[in-house]
Amino acid sequence: MVPLLLVLLLALLLFGAGFALKALWIVAAIVLAIWLLGFVVRSAGAGGKRGRWYRW
């Protein structure tokens, strides 16, 4: 009974980790897309120079 519970717990843990990693990959892809769009849509600053679209 104990080995069965350990196997089920391990399977649940690995499923949770796999889901979290997949979610992190999706978030990373969205952030990368927004970051790349920022280079396209950045506005012109004073003197005609193109400024940064972010504030850090």
N, C-alpha and C. Protein backbone atom coordinates (compact mmCIF):
# COMPACT_ATOMS: atom_id res chain seq x y z
N MET A 1 0.82 -1.20 0.00
CA MET A 1 0.00 0.00 0.00
C MET A 1 0.87 1.27 0.00
N VAL A 2 1.91 1.28 0.80
CA VAL A 2 2.79 2.45 0.87
C VAL A 2 3.50 2.69 -0.46
N PRO A 3 4.05 1.64 -1.13
CA PRO A 3 4.69 1.92 -2.43
C PRO A 3 3.70 2.48 -3.46
N LEU A 4 2.46 2.02 -3.44
CA LEU A 4 1.46 2.55 -4.36
C LEU A 4 1.20 4.03 -4.08
N LEU A 5 1.11 4.39 -2.81
CA LEU A 5 0.91 5.80 -2.47
C LEU A 5 2.11 6.64 -2.87
N LEU A 6 3.31 6.11 -2.71
CA LEU A 6 4.50 6.85 -3.12
C LEU A 6 4.55 7.05 -4.63
N VAL A 7 4.16 6.03 -5.38
CA VAL A 7 4.14 6.15 -6.84
C VAL A 7 3.09 7.17 -7.27
N LEU A 8 1.92 7.12 -6.65
CA LEU A 8 0.88 8.10 -6.99
C LEU A 8 1.30 9.52 -6.61
N LEU A 9 1.96 9.66 -5.47
CA LEU A 9 2.44 10.97 -5.06
C LEU A 9 3.51 11.48 -6.02
N LEU A 10 4.41 10.62 -6.45
CA LEU A 10 5.43 11.00 -7.41
C LEU A 10 4.82 11.40 -8.75
N ALA A 11 3.83 10.64 -9.20
CA ALA A 11 3.16 10.97 -10.46
C ALA A 11 2.45 12.33 -10.35
N LEU A 12 1.82 12.57 -9.23
CA LEU A 12 1.15 13.86 -9.02
C LEU A 12 2.16 15.00 -8.99
N LEU A 13 3.29 14.78 -8.33
CA LEU A 13 4.33 15.80 -8.26
C LEU A 13 4.91 16.10 -9.63
N LEU A 14 5.18 15.07 -10.42
CA LEU A 14 5.74 15.27 -11.76
C LEU A 14 4.73 15.94 -12.69
N PHE A 15 3.45 15.58 -12.55
CA PHE A 15 2.43 16.23 -13.37
C PHE A 15 2.34 17.71 -13.04
N GLY A 16 2.39 18.02 -11.75
CA GLY A 16 2.33 19.43 -11.33
C GLY A 16 3.54 20.21 -11.82
N ALA A 17 4.72 19.61 -11.75
CA ALA A 17 5.93 20.28 -12.22
C ALA A 17 5.87 20.47 -13.73
N GLY A 18 5.39 19.49 -14.44
CA GLY A 18 5.27 19.61 -15.90
C GLY A 18 4.31 20.70 -16.30
N PHE A 19 3.19 20.79 -15.59
CA PHE A 19 2.21 21.84 -15.89
C PHE A 19 2.80 23.21 -15.59
N ALA A 20 3.51 23.34 -14.47
CA ALA A 20 4.10 24.63 -14.10
C ALA A 20 5.16 25.04 -15.13
N LEU A 21 5.98 24.10 -15.58
CA LEU A 21 7.00 24.43 -16.57
C LEU A 21 6.38 24.85 -17.89
N LYS A 22 5.29 24.17 -18.29
CA LYS A 22 4.61 24.55 -19.53
C LYS A 22 4.02 25.95 -19.40
N ALA A 23 3.44 26.24 -18.26
CA ALA A 23 2.87 27.57 -18.04
C ALA A 23 3.97 28.64 -18.07
N LEU A 24 5.14 28.33 -17.49
CA LEU A 24 6.24 29.28 -17.51
C LEU A 24 6.75 29.52 -18.92
N TRP A 25 6.78 28.47 -19.75
CA TRP A 25 7.19 28.65 -21.15
C TRP A 25 6.22 29.55 -21.89
N ILE A 26 4.93 29.39 -21.61
CA ILE A 26 3.92 30.23 -22.27
C ILE A 26 4.09 31.69 -21.84
N VAL A 27 4.29 31.91 -20.54
CA VAL A 27 4.50 33.27 -20.04
C VAL A 27 5.76 33.88 -20.65
N ALA A 28 6.83 33.08 -20.74
CA ALA A 28 8.08 33.58 -21.32
C ALA A 28 7.89 33.95 -22.79
N ALA A 29 7.11 33.17 -23.53
CA ALA A 29 6.87 33.48 -24.94
C ALA A 29 6.06 34.77 -25.08
N ILE A 30 5.09 34.99 -24.21
CA ILE A 30 4.29 36.21 -24.26
C ILE A 30 5.15 37.43 -23.94
N VAL A 31 5.99 37.31 -22.90
CA VAL A 31 6.87 38.43 -22.54
C VAL A 31 7.85 38.73 -23.67
N LEU A 32 8.38 37.69 -24.31
CA LEU A 32 9.30 37.91 -25.42
C LEU A 32 8.60 38.61 -26.58
N ALA A 33 7.36 38.23 -26.87
CA ALA A 33 6.62 38.87 -27.96
C ALA A 33 6.37 40.35 -27.65
N ILE A 34 6.02 40.66 -26.40
CA ILE A 34 5.78 42.05 -26.02
C ILE A 34 7.08 42.85 -26.10
N TRP A 35 8.18 42.22 -25.66
CA TRP A 35 9.48 42.89 -25.71
C TRP A 35 9.90 43.19 -27.15
N LEU A 36 9.68 42.24 -28.05
CA LEU A 36 10.02 42.46 -29.45
C LEU A 36 9.11 43.50 -30.09
N LEU A 37 7.84 43.51 -29.72
CA LEU A 37 6.94 44.54 -30.25
C LEU A 37 7.35 45.93 -29.79
N GLY A 38 7.95 46.01 -28.61
CA GLY A 38 8.40 47.30 -28.10
C GLY A 38 9.43 47.95 -29.00
N PHE A 39 10.27 47.17 -29.65
CA PHE A 39 11.26 47.75 -30.55
C PHE A 39 10.60 48.32 -31.80
N VAL A 40 9.47 47.77 -32.18
CA VAL A 40 8.79 48.23 -33.39
C VAL A 40 7.98 49.48 -33.12
N VAL A 41 7.32 49.55 -31.98
CA VAL A 41 6.38 50.64 -31.73
C VAL A 41 6.94 51.75 -30.85
N ARG A 42 8.22 51.74 -30.59
CA ARG A 42 8.76 52.79 -29.73
C ARG A 42 8.65 54.16 -30.41
N SER A 43 8.41 55.16 -29.60
CA SER A 43 8.17 56.49 -30.15
C SER A 43 9.48 57.27 -30.28
N ALA A 44 9.42 58.31 -31.08
CA ALA A 44 10.59 59.17 -31.26
C ALA A 44 10.70 60.13 -30.08
N GLY A 45 11.91 60.30 -29.60
CA GLY A 45 12.14 61.20 -28.47
C GLY A 45 12.49 62.60 -28.95
N ALA A 46 13.03 63.39 -28.05
CA ALA A 46 13.42 64.77 -28.39
C ALA A 46 14.59 64.74 -29.37
N GLY A 47 14.56 65.60 -30.35
CA GLY A 47 15.63 65.68 -31.33
C GLY A 47 15.54 64.62 -32.40
N GLY A 48 14.42 63.94 -32.50
CA GLY A 48 14.24 62.94 -33.54
C GLY A 48 14.86 61.59 -33.22
N LYS A 49 15.52 61.48 -32.06
CA LYS A 49 16.09 60.19 -31.70
C LYS A 49 14.99 59.27 -31.21
N ARG A 50 15.15 58.00 -31.51
CA ARG A 50 14.16 57.04 -31.03
C ARG A 50 14.48 56.68 -29.59
N GLY A 51 13.50 56.86 -28.72
CA GLY A 51 13.72 56.62 -27.30
C GLY A 51 13.34 55.20 -26.91
N ARG A 52 13.57 54.93 -25.67
CA ARG A 52 13.18 53.62 -25.14
C ARG A 52 11.70 53.61 -24.85
N TRP A 53 11.06 52.46 -25.05
CA TRP A 53 9.63 52.37 -24.77
C TRP A 53 9.37 51.94 -23.34
N TYR A 54 10.42 51.51 -22.66
CA TYR A 54 10.25 51.11 -21.26
C TYR A 54 10.91 52.16 -20.38
N ARG A 55 10.68 52.07 -19.08
CA ARG A 55 11.10 53.15 -18.19
C ARG A 55 12.21 52.75 -17.22
N TRP A 56 12.85 51.60 -17.36
CA TRP A 56 13.92 51.26 -16.43
C TRP A 56 15.26 51.59 -16.99
